[in-house]
Amino acid sequence: MAVYTEVSDDALRDFLALYDIGEVISFKGIAEGVENSNFLLRTRRAQFILTLYEKRVRAADLPFFVGLMEHLAERGVTCPQPVRNRAGEALGTLAGRPAAIVTFLDGLWVRRPNVVHCGAVGGALARMHLAGADFQLTRANALSVAGWPPLLRAADARADEVAPRLRDESANELAFLEAHWPVGLPAGIIHADLFNDNVFFLGETLSGLIDFYFACNDALAYDLAICLCAWCFEPDNAFNVSKGRALISAYERVRPLTEAEVAALPILSRGAALRFMLTRLVDWLNVPPGAKVAPKNPLEYRDKLRFHQRVKSAADYGLVR
């Protein structure tokens, strides 16, 4: 979460007058993350998150995200629910941006996940995949292979300012993935961004999933690869095979992987690492003046990519067959 767009008192008052959520007690920006402007909104009835959609989120995709959160909740996935205004609309406009209010989930995100946390995430991811199987709306993954060349072009002139030869290393990996990217894998709704700060826990009990604004239709195993990148590395970027085994095993107890998915997991993981390295690189080099945002270091994902390049099979991630 982050704040790119400031909201004036008058604009906020006019926007909230459309809702029946109670008298406002406090309103403050949330300065984590990098994608949208987010605010914690407290009223005398409850707490909410107010989001202004920025950057990579297209207004035309918002009905997909709103519908998906409602669909998943109906099928038992704990996630924020859009709050509809008095006219029954979940989307509005605030400070010149598309905006929505969603319910607040209790819990904290875990900065140093353990094996139990990783297992909980694997099971939750598989249940989300099954719950989304009959969702009728579709959205292409704008940040799959075809979306990576524009990211590299946006950063290549300055990439080597971040690390020597980063531009060439990225270009070589992109060429490899374009030539070897798996096709025909089981597909459906994926979260596509299930990082630590998008999963809430109460102790070691998973209490909810948030931030579905990259959700799309793509290979289900690609979502698992993203989670391997996000959850199973230590602070020094060394892979923890025990965490990987816990995550994959819990996923397979709910939704077993096909042999094709198992074979593709190393390539999918390389793609996941490159995707997040490139988006972080673009963000690192293009922080808007005055934005209350802390860009994330792209070199974390360069290191993870180098690990995935050495992987021989899914057994290296802890998969046991």
C-alpha atoms as a PDB file:
ATOM      1  CA  MET A   1       0.000   0.000   0.000  1.00  0.00           C
ATOM      2  CA  ALA A   2       1.094   3.597  -0.560  1.00  0.00           C
ATOM      3  CA  VAL A   3      -0.119   7.169  -1.014  1.00  0.00           C
ATOM      4  CA  TYR A   4       0.351   8.845  -4.381  1.00  0.00           C
ATOM      5  CA  THR A   5      -2.736  11.106  -4.362  1.00  0.00           C
ATOM      6  CA  GLU A   6      -3.673  13.318  -1.430  1.00  0.00           C
ATOM      7  CA  VAL A   7      -7.349  13.685  -0.548  1.00  0.00           C
ATOM      8  CA  SER A   8      -8.686  17.000   0.709  1.00  0.00           C
ATOM      9  CA  ASP A   9     -11.147  17.189   3.598  1.00  0.00           C
ATOM     10  CA  ASP A  10     -13.862  18.601   1.350  1.00  0.00           C
ATOM     11  CA  ALA A  11     -13.413  15.912  -1.309  1.00  0.00           C
ATOM     12  CA  LEU A  12     -13.482  13.167   1.301  1.00  0.00           C
ATOM     13  CA  ARG A  13     -16.604  14.614   2.937  1.00  0.00           C
ATOM     14  CA  ASP A  14     -18.465  14.741  -0.374  1.00  0.00           C
ATOM     15  CA  PHE A  15     -17.416  11.203  -1.289  1.00  0.00           C
ATOM     16  CA  LEU A  16     -18.394   9.665   2.045  1.00  0.00           C
ATOM     17  CA  ALA A  17     -21.760  11.422   1.989  1.00  0.00           C
ATOM     18  CA  LEU A  18     -22.716   8.855  -0.657  1.00  0.00           C
ATOM     19  CA  TYR A  19     -22.246   6.001   1.834  1.00  0.00           C
ATOM     20  CA  ASP A  20     -24.047   4.821   4.935  1.00  0.00           C
ATOM     21  CA  ILE A  21     -21.036   3.767   6.998  1.00  0.00           C
ATOM     22  CA  GLY A  22     -21.270   6.061   9.994  1.00  0.00           C
ATOM     23  CA  GLU A  23     -19.552   9.204  11.186  1.00  0.00           C
ATOM     24  CA  VAL A  24     -15.835   9.448  10.375  1.00  0.00           C
ATOM     25  CA  ILE A  25     -13.453   9.364  13.347  1.00  0.00           C
ATOM     26  CA  SER A  26     -10.111   9.267  11.562  1.00  0.00           C
ATOM     27  CA  PHE A  27      -8.570   9.037   8.121  1.00  0.00           C
ATOM     28  CA  LYS A  28      -4.888   8.436   7.436  1.00  0.00           C
ATOM     29  CA  GLY A  29      -2.668   7.231   4.620  1.00  0.00           C
ATOM     30  CA  ILE A  30      -1.026   3.831   4.663  1.00  0.00           C
ATOM     31  CA  ALA A  31       2.556   4.121   3.436  1.00  0.00           C
ATOM     32  CA  GLU A  32       3.375   0.482   2.615  1.00  0.00           C
ATOM     33  CA  GLY A  33       3.435  -1.079  -0.852  1.00  0.00           C
ATOM     34  CA  VAL A  34       3.817   0.541  -4.250  1.00  0.00           C
ATOM     35  CA  GLU A  35       0.683   0.301  -6.383  1.00  0.00           C
ATOM     36  CA  ASN A  36      -2.363   2.284  -5.218  1.00  0.00           C
ATOM     37  CA  SER A  37      -3.137   5.065  -2.733  1.00  0.00           C
ATOM     38  CA  ASN A  38      -4.610   3.520   0.407  1.00  0.00           C
ATOM     39  CA  PHE A  39      -6.112   5.027   3.517  1.00  0.00           C
ATOM     40  CA  LEU A  40      -7.329   3.610   6.809  1.00  0.00           C
ATOM     41  CA  LEU A  41     -10.820   4.972   7.428  1.00  0.00           C
ATOM     42  CA  ARG A  42     -12.393   4.682  10.875  1.00  0.00           C
ATOM     43  CA  THR A  43     -16.028   5.449  11.547  1.00  0.00           C
ATOM     44  CA  ARG A  44     -18.148   5.001  14.648  1.00  0.00           C
ATOM     45  CA  ARG A  45     -19.365   1.688  13.145  1.00  0.00           C
ATOM     46  CA  ALA A  46     -16.232  -0.007  11.827  1.00  0.00           C
ATOM     47  CA  GLN A  47     -12.884   0.310  10.089  1.00  0.00           C
ATOM     48  CA  PHE A  48     -12.487   0.331   6.312  1.00  0.00           C
ATOM     49  CA  ILE A  49      -9.819   0.678   3.648  1.00  0.00           C
ATOM     50  CA  LEU A  50     -10.337   3.425   1.073  1.00  0.00           C
ATOM     51  CA  THR A  51      -8.359   2.822  -2.125  1.00  0.00           C
ATOM     52  CA  LEU A  52      -7.617   5.193  -4.988  1.00  0.00           C
ATOM     53  CA  TYR A  53      -6.529   3.198  -8.021  1.00  0.00           C
ATOM     54  CA  GLU A  54      -3.295   4.357  -9.617  1.00  0.00           C
ATOM     55  CA  LYS A  55      -0.579   3.227 -11.984  1.00  0.00           C
ATOM     56  CA  ARG A  56      -1.095  -0.289 -13.364  1.00  0.00           C
ATOM     57  CA  VAL A  57      -4.765  -0.667 -12.425  1.00  0.00           C
ATOM     58  CA  ARG A  58      -7.114   0.160 -15.294  1.00  0.00           C
ATOM     59  CA  ALA A  59     -10.555   1.524 -14.439  1.00  0.00           C
ATOM     60  CA  ALA A  60     -12.093  -0.956 -16.898  1.00  0.00           C
ATOM     61  CA  ASP A  61     -10.758  -3.845 -14.778  1.00  0.00           C
ATOM     62  CA  LEU A  62     -12.319  -2.687 -11.517  1.00  0.00           C
ATOM     63  CA  PRO A  63     -15.649  -4.519 -11.975  1.00  0.00           C
ATOM     64  CA  PHE A  64     -13.627  -7.735 -12.320  1.00  0.00           C
ATOM     65  CA  PHE A  65     -11.843  -7.146  -9.016  1.00  0.00           C
ATOM     66  CA  VAL A  66     -15.014  -6.148  -7.178  1.00  0.00           C
ATOM     67  CA  GLY A  67     -16.940  -9.125  -8.529  1.00  0.00           C
ATOM     68  CA  LEU A  68     -14.111 -11.523  -7.739  1.00  0.00           C
ATOM     69  CA  MET A  69     -13.876 -10.505  -4.081  1.00  0.00           C
ATOM     70  CA  GLU A  70     -17.618 -10.936  -3.674  1.00  0.00           C
ATOM     71  CA  HIS A  71     -17.517 -14.286  -5.506  1.00  0.00           C
ATOM     72  CA  LEU A  72     -14.658 -15.669  -3.415  1.00  0.00           C
ATOM     73  CA  ALA A  73     -16.265 -14.587  -0.136  1.00  0.00           C
ATOM     74  CA  GLU A  74     -19.473 -16.394  -1.099  1.00  0.00           C
ATOM     75  CA  ARG A  75     -17.366 -19.551  -1.445  1.00  0.00           C
ATOM     76  CA  GLY A  76     -15.631 -19.282   1.893  1.00  0.00           C
ATOM     77  CA  VAL A  77     -12.465 -17.327   1.075  1.00  0.00           C
ATOM     78  CA  THR A  78     -11.920 -14.614   3.682  1.00  0.00           C
ATOM     79  CA  CYS A  79     -11.085 -11.423   1.808  1.00  0.00           C
ATOM     80  CA  PRO A  80     -12.139  -7.750   1.903  1.00  0.00           C
ATOM     81  CA  GLN A  81     -15.636  -7.012   0.699  1.00  0.00           C
ATOM     82  CA  PRO A  82     -16.503  -3.954  -1.385  1.00  0.00           C
ATOM     83  CA  VAL A  83     -18.824  -1.540   0.396  1.00  0.00           C
ATOM     84  CA  ARG A  84     -21.594  -0.330  -1.881  1.00  0.00           C
ATOM     85  CA  ASN A  85     -22.920   3.222  -1.605  1.00  0.00           C
ATOM     86  CA  ARG A  86     -26.556   4.191  -1.219  1.00  0.00           C
ATOM     87  CA  ALA A  87     -27.031   3.804  -4.991  1.00  0.00           C
ATOM     88  CA  GLY A  88     -25.723   0.229  -4.824  1.00  0.00           C
ATOM     89  CA  GLU A  89     -22.442   1.076  -6.545  1.00  0.00           C
ATOM     90  CA  ALA A  90     -19.094  -0.279  -5.347  1.00  0.00           C
ATOM     91  CA  LEU A  91     -16.973   2.088  -7.426  1.00  0.00           C
ATOM     92  CA  GLY A  92     -16.790   5.868  -7.411  1.00  0.00           C
ATOM     93  CA  THR A  93     -14.412   8.737  -8.123  1.00  0.00           C
ATOM     94  CA  LEU A  94     -12.346  10.638  -5.562  1.00  0.00           C
ATOM     95  CA  ALA A  95      -9.591  13.201  -6.201  1.00  0.00           C
ATOM     96  CA  GLY A  96      -9.749  12.392  -9.882  1.00  0.00           C
ATOM     97  CA  ARG A  97      -9.109   8.679  -9.343  1.00  0.00           C
ATOM     98  CA  PRO A  98     -11.379   5.624  -9.407  1.00  0.00           C
ATOM     99  CA  ALA A  99     -12.034   4.761  -5.774  1.00  0.00           C
ATOM    100  CA  ALA A 100     -13.628   2.103  -3.599  1.00  0.00           C
ATOM    101  CA  ILE A 101     -14.173   1.335   0.067  1.00  0.00           C
ATOM    102  CA  VAL A 102     -13.653  -2.222   1.292  1.00  0.00           C
ATOM    103  CA  THR A 103     -14.099  -3.868   4.664  1.00  0.00           C
ATOM    104  CA  PHE A 104     -11.170  -4.117   7.077  1.00  0.00           C
ATOM    105  CA  LEU A 105      -9.740  -7.539   7.949  1.00  0.00           C
ATOM    106  CA  ASP A 106      -8.282  -8.298  11.376  1.00  0.00           C
ATOM    107  CA  GLY A 107      -4.763  -9.641  11.468  1.00  0.00           C
ATOM    108  CA  LEU A 108      -1.164  -8.741  10.737  1.00  0.00           C
ATOM    109  CA  TRP A 109       1.121  -9.608   7.869  1.00  0.00           C
ATOM    110  CA  VAL A 110       4.154 -11.665   8.816  1.00  0.00           C
ATOM    111  CA  ARG A 111       7.597 -10.243   8.093  1.00  0.00           C
ATOM    112  CA  ARG A 112       9.489 -13.443   8.936  1.00  0.00           C
ATOM    113  CA  PRO A 113       7.217 -16.342   7.933  1.00  0.00           C
ATOM    114  CA  ASN A 114       7.934 -19.793   9.317  1.00  0.00           C
ATOM    115  CA  VAL A 115       7.084 -23.236   7.962  1.00  0.00           C
ATOM    116  CA  VAL A 116       3.585 -23.119   9.484  1.00  0.00           C
ATOM    117  CA  HIS A 117       2.815 -19.801   7.795  1.00  0.00           C
ATOM    118  CA  CYS A 118       4.034 -21.174   4.447  1.00  0.00           C
ATOM    119  CA  GLY A 119       1.828 -24.230   4.760  1.00  0.00           C
ATOM    120  CA  ALA A 120      -1.179 -22.062   5.560  1.00  0.00           C
ATOM    121  CA  VAL A 121      -0.520 -19.947   2.473  1.00  0.00           C
ATOM    122  CA  GLY A 122      -0.240 -23.016   0.236  1.00  0.00           C
ATOM    123  CA  GLY A 123      -3.583 -24.361   1.404  1.00  0.00           C
ATOM    124  CA  ALA A 124      -5.276 -20.973   1.124  1.00  0.00           C
ATOM    125  CA  LEU A 125      -3.946 -20.477  -2.401  1.00  0.00           C
ATOM    126  CA  ALA A 126      -5.317 -23.824  -3.554  1.00  0.00           C
ATOM    127  CA  ARG A 127      -8.708 -23.135  -1.980  1.00  0.00           C
ATOM    128  CA  MET A 128      -8.802 -19.760  -3.716  1.00  0.00           C
ATOM    129  CA  HIS A 129      -8.044 -21.439  -7.048  1.00  0.00           C
ATOM    130  CA  LEU A 130     -10.912 -23.887  -6.565  1.00  0.00           C
ATOM    131  CA  ALA A 131     -13.273 -21.142  -5.377  1.00  0.00           C
ATOM    132  CA  GLY A 132     -12.549 -19.069  -8.469  1.00  0.00           C
ATOM    133  CA  ALA A 133     -13.171 -21.904 -10.912  1.00  0.00           C
ATOM    134  CA  ASP A 134     -16.738 -20.831 -11.695  1.00  0.00           C
ATOM    135  CA  PHE A 135     -16.184 -17.061 -11.703  1.00  0.00           C
ATOM    136  CA  GLN A 136     -17.664 -15.829 -14.961  1.00  0.00           C
ATOM    137  CA  LEU A 137     -15.648 -12.665 -15.615  1.00  0.00           C
ATOM    138  CA  THR A 138     -12.187 -12.920 -17.153  1.00  0.00           C
ATOM    139  CA  ARG A 139      -9.111 -10.724 -17.212  1.00  0.00           C
ATOM    140  CA  ALA A 140      -5.903 -11.400 -19.107  1.00  0.00           C
ATOM    141  CA  ASN A 141      -2.640 -11.217 -17.183  1.00  0.00           C
ATOM    142  CA  ALA A 142      -1.149  -7.934 -18.397  1.00  0.00           C
ATOM    143  CA  LEU A 143       2.101  -8.773 -16.586  1.00  0.00           C
ATOM    144  CA  SER A 144       2.775 -12.181 -18.100  1.00  0.00           C
ATOM    145  CA  VAL A 145       5.463 -12.808 -20.732  1.00  0.00           C
ATOM    146  CA  ALA A 146       4.080 -10.363 -23.299  1.00  0.00           C
ATOM    147  CA  GLY A 147       4.083  -7.609 -20.675  1.00  0.00           C
ATOM    148  CA  TRP A 148       7.741  -7.983 -19.696  1.00  0.00           C
ATOM    149  CA  PRO A 149       9.455  -6.449 -22.769  1.00  0.00           C
ATOM    150  CA  PRO A 150       7.764  -3.050 -22.233  1.00  0.00           C
ATOM    151  CA  LEU A 151       8.920  -3.105 -18.604  1.00  0.00           C
ATOM    152  CA  LEU A 152      12.483  -3.798 -19.673  1.00  0.00           C
ATOM    153  CA  ARG A 153      12.342  -1.033 -22.271  1.00  0.00           C
ATOM    154  CA  ALA A 154      11.057   1.371 -19.618  1.00  0.00           C
ATOM    155  CA  ALA A 155      14.092   0.667 -17.429  1.00  0.00           C
ATOM    156  CA  ASP A 156      16.918  -0.452 -19.696  1.00  0.00           C
ATOM    157  CA  ALA A 157      18.540   2.975 -20.155  1.00  0.00           C
ATOM    158  CA  ARG A 158      19.170   3.238 -16.406  1.00  0.00           C
ATOM    159  CA  ALA A 159      19.125  -0.387 -15.259  1.00  0.00           C
ATOM    160  CA  ASP A 160      22.897  -0.560 -14.887  1.00  0.00           C
ATOM    161  CA  GLU A 161      22.716   2.345 -12.438  1.00  0.00           C
ATOM    162  CA  VAL A 162      21.108  -0.130 -10.031  1.00  0.00           C
ATOM    163  CA  ALA A 163      23.636  -2.944 -10.633  1.00  0.00           C
ATOM    164  CA  PRO A 164      26.324  -3.603 -13.244  1.00  0.00           C
ATOM    165  CA  ARG A 165      25.075  -5.560 -16.292  1.00  0.00           C
ATOM    166  CA  LEU A 166      21.547  -5.712 -14.907  1.00  0.00           C
ATOM    167  CA  ARG A 167      20.127  -4.691 -18.274  1.00  0.00           C
ATOM    168  CA  ASP A 168      21.913  -7.482 -20.173  1.00  0.00           C
ATOM    169  CA  GLU A 169      21.127 -10.062 -17.504  1.00  0.00           C
ATOM    170  CA  SER A 170      17.449  -9.131 -17.668  1.00  0.00           C
ATOM    171  CA  ALA A 171      17.369  -9.162 -21.471  1.00  0.00           C
ATOM    172  CA  ASN A 172      19.017 -12.581 -21.654  1.00  0.00           C
ATOM    173  CA  GLU A 173      16.569 -14.058 -19.175  1.00  0.00           C
ATOM    174  CA  LEU A 174      13.617 -12.525 -20.988  1.00  0.00           C
ATOM    175  CA  ALA A 175      14.765 -14.075 -24.267  1.00  0.00           C
ATOM    176  CA  PHE A 176      15.073 -17.483 -22.585  1.00  0.00           C
ATOM    177  CA  LEU A 177      11.610 -17.289 -21.036  1.00  0.00           C
ATOM    178  CA  GLU A 178       9.982 -16.130 -24.255  1.00  0.00           C
ATOM    179  CA  ALA A 179      11.410 -19.226 -25.944  1.00  0.00           C
ATOM    180  CA  HIS A 180      10.546 -21.699 -23.161  1.00  0.00           C
ATOM    181  CA  TRP A 181       7.401 -20.396 -21.435  1.00  0.00           C
ATOM    182  CA  PRO A 182       4.981 -23.292 -20.761  1.00  0.00           C
ATOM    183  CA  VAL A 183       1.614 -23.390 -22.519  1.00  0.00           C
ATOM    184  CA  GLY A 184      -1.473 -25.513 -22.007  1.00  0.00           C
ATOM    185  CA  LEU A 185      -1.214 -25.771 -18.220  1.00  0.00           C
ATOM    186  CA  PRO A 186      -4.380 -25.865 -16.061  1.00  0.00           C
ATOM    187  CA  ALA A 187      -5.564 -22.276 -15.809  1.00  0.00           C
ATOM    188  CA  GLY A 188      -8.076 -20.199 -13.899  1.00  0.00           C
ATOM    189  CA  ILE A 189      -8.263 -17.242 -11.544  1.00  0.00           C
ATOM    190  CA  ILE A 190      -4.939 -16.450  -9.868  1.00  0.00           C
ATOM    191  CA  HIS A 191      -4.104 -13.836  -7.265  1.00  0.00           C
ATOM    192  CA  ALA A 192      -0.765 -13.022  -8.967  1.00  0.00           C
ATOM    193  CA  ASP A 193       0.566 -10.974  -6.020  1.00  0.00           C
ATOM    194  CA  LEU A 194       0.197 -13.106  -2.875  1.00  0.00           C
ATOM    195  CA  PHE A 195       3.145 -11.638  -1.013  1.00  0.00           C
ATOM    196  CA  ASN A 196       3.574 -11.522   2.764  1.00  0.00           C
ATOM    197  CA  ASP A 197       1.856  -8.153   3.055  1.00  0.00           C
ATOM    198  CA  ASN A 198      -1.219  -9.474   1.233  1.00  0.00           C
ATOM    199  CA  VAL A 199      -1.883 -12.284   3.720  1.00  0.00           C
ATOM    200  CA  PHE A 200      -3.059 -11.620   7.273  1.00  0.00           C
ATOM    201  CA  PHE A 201      -2.464 -13.880  10.255  1.00  0.00           C
ATOM    202  CA  LEU A 202      -3.652 -14.018  13.832  1.00  0.00           C
ATOM    203  CA  GLY A 203      -0.703 -15.806  15.389  1.00  0.00           C
ATOM    204  CA  GLU A 204      -0.067 -18.729  13.038  1.00  0.00           C
ATOM    205  CA  THR A 205      -3.684 -18.866  11.848  1.00  0.00           C
ATOM    206  CA  LEU A 206      -4.327 -17.334   8.454  1.00  0.00           C
ATOM    207  CA  SER A 207      -7.122 -14.781   8.799  1.00  0.00           C
ATOM    208  CA  GLY A 208      -7.540 -13.465   5.256  1.00  0.00           C
ATOM    209  CA  LEU A 209      -6.198 -12.584   1.825  1.00  0.00           C
ATOM    210  CA  ILE A 210      -6.150  -9.005   0.530  1.00  0.00           C
ATOM    211  CA  ASP A 211      -5.203  -6.890  -2.500  1.00  0.00           C
ATOM    212  CA  PHE A 212      -6.697  -8.676  -5.496  1.00  0.00           C
ATOM    213  CA  TYR A 213      -5.786  -5.896  -7.932  1.00  0.00           C
ATOM    214  CA  PHE A 214      -3.429  -8.058  -9.992  1.00  0.00           C
ATOM    215  CA  ALA A 215      -5.844 -11.018 -10.064  1.00  0.00           C
ATOM    216  CA  CYS A 216      -6.357 -12.426 -13.531  1.00  0.00           C
ATOM    217  CA  ASN A 217      -6.722 -15.599 -15.576  1.00  0.00           C
ATOM    218  CA  ASP A 218      -3.475 -17.513 -16.003  1.00  0.00           C
ATOM    219  CA  ALA A 219      -1.762 -20.816 -15.221  1.00  0.00           C
ATOM    220  CA  LEU A 220      -2.597 -21.849 -11.662  1.00  0.00           C
ATOM    221  CA  ALA A 221       0.926 -23.168 -11.098  1.00  0.00           C
ATOM    222  CA  TYR A 222       2.300 -19.718 -11.922  1.00  0.00           C
ATOM    223  CA  ASP A 223       0.533 -18.439  -8.796  1.00  0.00           C
ATOM    224  CA  LEU A 224       2.272 -21.172  -6.807  1.00  0.00           C
ATOM    225  CA  ALA A 225       5.616 -20.115  -8.326  1.00  0.00           C
ATOM    226  CA  ILE A 226       4.972 -16.528  -7.208  1.00  0.00           C
ATOM    227  CA  CYS A 227       4.353 -17.776  -3.670  1.00  0.00           C
ATOM    228  CA  LEU A 228       7.578 -19.792  -3.699  1.00  0.00           C
ATOM    229  CA  CYS A 229       9.392 -16.551  -4.544  1.00  0.00           C
ATOM    230  CA  ALA A 230       7.539 -14.489  -1.976  1.00  0.00           C
ATOM    231  CA  TRP A 231       7.405 -16.856   1.011  1.00  0.00           C
ATOM    232  CA  CYS A 232      10.221 -19.385   0.873  1.00  0.00           C
ATOM    233  CA  PHE A 233      13.418 -17.338   0.812  1.00  0.00           C
ATOM    234  CA  GLU A 234      15.340 -16.162   3.861  1.00  0.00           C
ATOM    235  CA  PRO A 235      16.434 -12.514   4.384  1.00  0.00           C
ATOM    236  CA  ASP A 236      19.769 -13.310   2.714  1.00  0.00           C
ATOM    237  CA  ASN A 237      17.798 -14.573  -0.330  1.00  0.00           C
ATOM    238  CA  ALA A 238      18.729 -18.216   0.296  1.00  0.00           C
ATOM    239  CA  PHE A 239      15.903 -20.629  -0.517  1.00  0.00           C
ATOM    240  CA  ASN A 240      14.472 -22.547   2.456  1.00  0.00           C
ATOM    241  CA  VAL A 241      13.478 -25.969   1.165  1.00  0.00           C
ATOM    242  CA  SER A 242      11.474 -26.757   4.315  1.00  0.00           C
ATOM    243  CA  LYS A 243       9.262 -23.755   3.647  1.00  0.00           C
ATOM    244  CA  GLY A 244       8.941 -24.749   0.000  1.00  0.00           C
ATOM    245  CA  ARG A 245       7.941 -28.297   0.958  1.00  0.00           C
ATOM    246  CA  ALA A 246       5.347 -26.994   3.414  1.00  0.00           C
ATOM    247  CA  LEU A 247       3.843 -24.606   0.866  1.00  0.00           C
ATOM    248  CA  ILE A 248       3.667 -27.127  -1.994  1.00  0.00           C
ATOM    249  CA  SER A 249       2.478 -30.020   0.176  1.00  0.00           C
ATOM    250  CA  ALA A 250      -0.350 -27.961   1.664  1.00  0.00           C
ATOM    251  CA  TYR A 251      -1.338 -26.791  -1.815  1.00  0.00           C
ATOM    252  CA  GLU A 252      -1.408 -30.359  -3.132  1.00  0.00           C
ATOM    253  CA  ARG A 253      -3.557 -31.601  -0.252  1.00  0.00           C
ATOM    254  CA  VAL A 254      -6.268 -29.341  -1.647  1.00  0.00           C
ATOM    255  CA  ARG A 255      -5.441 -29.344  -5.372  1.00  0.00           C
ATOM    256  CA  PRO A 256      -2.845 -31.864  -6.636  1.00  0.00           C
ATOM    257  CA  LEU A 257      -0.527 -30.607  -9.345  1.00  0.00           C
ATOM    258  CA  THR A 258      -0.453 -32.311 -12.728  1.00  0.00           C
ATOM    259  CA  GLU A 259       2.799 -33.779 -14.022  1.00  0.00           C
ATOM    260  CA  ALA A 260       2.989 -30.962 -16.561  1.00  0.00           C
ATOM    261  CA  GLU A 261       2.693 -28.375 -13.793  1.00  0.00           C
ATOM    262  CA  VAL A 262       5.423 -30.087 -11.768  1.00  0.00           C
ATOM    263  CA  ALA A 263       7.757 -30.112 -14.781  1.00  0.00           C
ATOM    264  CA  ALA A 264       7.013 -26.440 -15.507  1.00  0.00           C
ATOM    265  CA  LEU A 265       7.502 -25.139 -11.961  1.00  0.00           C
ATOM    266  CA  PRO A 266      11.197 -24.123 -12.363  1.00  0.00           C
ATOM    267  CA  ILE A 267      10.464 -22.110 -15.524  1.00  0.00           C
ATOM    268  CA  LEU A 268       7.368 -20.544 -13.961  1.00  0.00           C
ATOM    269  CA  SER A 269       9.450 -19.566 -10.933  1.00  0.00           C
ATOM    270  CA  ARG A 270      12.072 -17.940 -13.138  1.00  0.00           C
ATOM    271  CA  GLY A 271       9.277 -15.985 -14.796  1.00  0.00           C
ATOM    272  CA  ALA A 272       7.847 -14.923 -11.455  1.00  0.00           C
ATOM    273  CA  ALA A 273      11.254 -13.680 -10.309  1.00  0.00           C
ATOM    274  CA  LEU A 274      11.856 -11.751 -13.529  1.00  0.00           C
ATOM    275  CA  ARG A 275       8.376 -10.190 -13.444  1.00  0.00           C
ATOM    276  CA  PHE A 276       8.863  -8.794  -9.947  1.00  0.00           C
ATOM    277  CA  MET A 277      12.436  -7.743 -10.609  1.00  0.00           C
ATOM    278  CA  LEU A 278      11.307  -5.727 -13.630  1.00  0.00           C
ATOM    279  CA  THR A 279       8.311  -4.075 -11.991  1.00  0.00           C
ATOM    280  CA  ARG A 280      10.417  -3.206  -8.959  1.00  0.00           C
ATOM    281  CA  LEU A 281      13.139  -1.867 -11.230  1.00  0.00           C
ATOM    282  CA  VAL A 282      10.700   0.424 -13.037  1.00  0.00           C
ATOM    283  CA  ASP A 283       9.281   1.616  -9.709  1.00  0.00           C
ATOM    284  CA  TRP A 284      12.748   2.115  -8.211  1.00  0.00           C
ATOM    285  CA  LEU A 285      13.730   4.393 -11.071  1.00  0.00           C
ATOM    286  CA  ASN A 286      10.435   6.303 -11.268  1.00  0.00           C
ATOM    287  CA  VAL A 287       9.196   7.337  -7.825  1.00  0.00           C
ATOM    288  CA  PRO A 288       6.820  10.313  -8.366  1.00  0.00           C
ATOM    289  CA  PRO A 289       7.923  13.513  -6.596  1.00  0.00           C
ATOM    290  CA  GLY A 290       6.186  13.854  -3.249  1.00  0.00           C
ATOM    291  CA  ALA A 291       4.754  10.317  -3.238  1.00  0.00           C
ATOM    292  CA  LYS A 292       4.588   8.669   0.185  1.00  0.00           C
ATOM    293  CA  VAL A 293       5.919   5.333  -0.980  1.00  0.00           C
ATOM    294  CA  ALA A 294       8.943   3.162  -0.266  1.00  0.00           C
ATOM    295  CA  PRO A 295       9.973   1.391  -3.498  1.00  0.00           C
ATOM    296  CA  LYS A 296      11.184  -2.181  -3.077  1.00  0.00           C
ATOM    297  CA  ASN A 297      14.682  -3.239  -4.034  1.00  0.00           C
ATOM    298  CA  PRO A 298      14.712  -5.034  -7.417  1.00  0.00           C
ATOM    299  CA  LEU A 299      17.998  -6.786  -6.624  1.00  0.00           C
ATOM    300  CA  GLU A 300      16.207  -9.058  -4.166  1.00  0.00           C
ATOM    301  CA  TYR A 301      14.527 -10.651  -7.161  1.00  0.00           C
ATOM    302  CA  ARG A 302      17.717 -10.736  -9.206  1.00  0.00           C
ATOM    303  CA  ASP A 303      19.174 -12.950  -6.475  1.00  0.00           C
ATOM    304  CA  LYS A 304      16.064 -15.134  -6.411  1.00  0.00           C
ATOM    305  CA  LEU A 305      16.138 -15.408 -10.197  1.00  0.00           C
ATOM    306  CA  ARG A 306      19.717 -16.652 -10.063  1.00  0.00           C
ATOM    307  CA  PHE A 307      18.636 -19.380  -7.644  1.00  0.00           C
ATOM    308  CA  HIS A 308      15.788 -20.479  -9.916  1.00  0.00           C
ATOM    309  CA  GLN A 309      18.180 -20.596 -12.866  1.00  0.00           C
ATOM    310  CA  ARG A 310      20.154 -23.300 -11.016  1.00  0.00           C
ATOM    311  CA  VAL A 311      17.095 -25.408 -10.151  1.00  0.00           C
ATOM    312  CA  LYS A 312      16.980 -28.773 -11.933  1.00  0.00           C
ATOM    313  CA  SER A 313      13.469 -29.904 -10.983  1.00  0.00           C
ATOM    314  CA  ALA A 314      10.590 -29.178  -8.626  1.00  0.00           C
ATOM    315  CA  ALA A 315      12.237 -31.490  -6.107  1.00  0.00           C
ATOM    316  CA  ASP A 316      14.669 -28.637  -5.436  1.00  0.00           C
ATOM    317  CA  TYR A 317      11.700 -26.662  -4.093  1.00  0.00           C
ATOM    318  CA  GLY A 318      10.790 -29.476  -1.707  1.00  0.00           C
ATOM    319  CA  LEU A 319       8.165 -31.264  -3.773  1.00  0.00           C
ATOM    320  CA  VAL A 320       7.944 -34.905  -2.738  1.00  0.00           C
ATOM    321  CA  ARG A 321       6.394 -37.500  -5.048  1.00  0.00           C
END
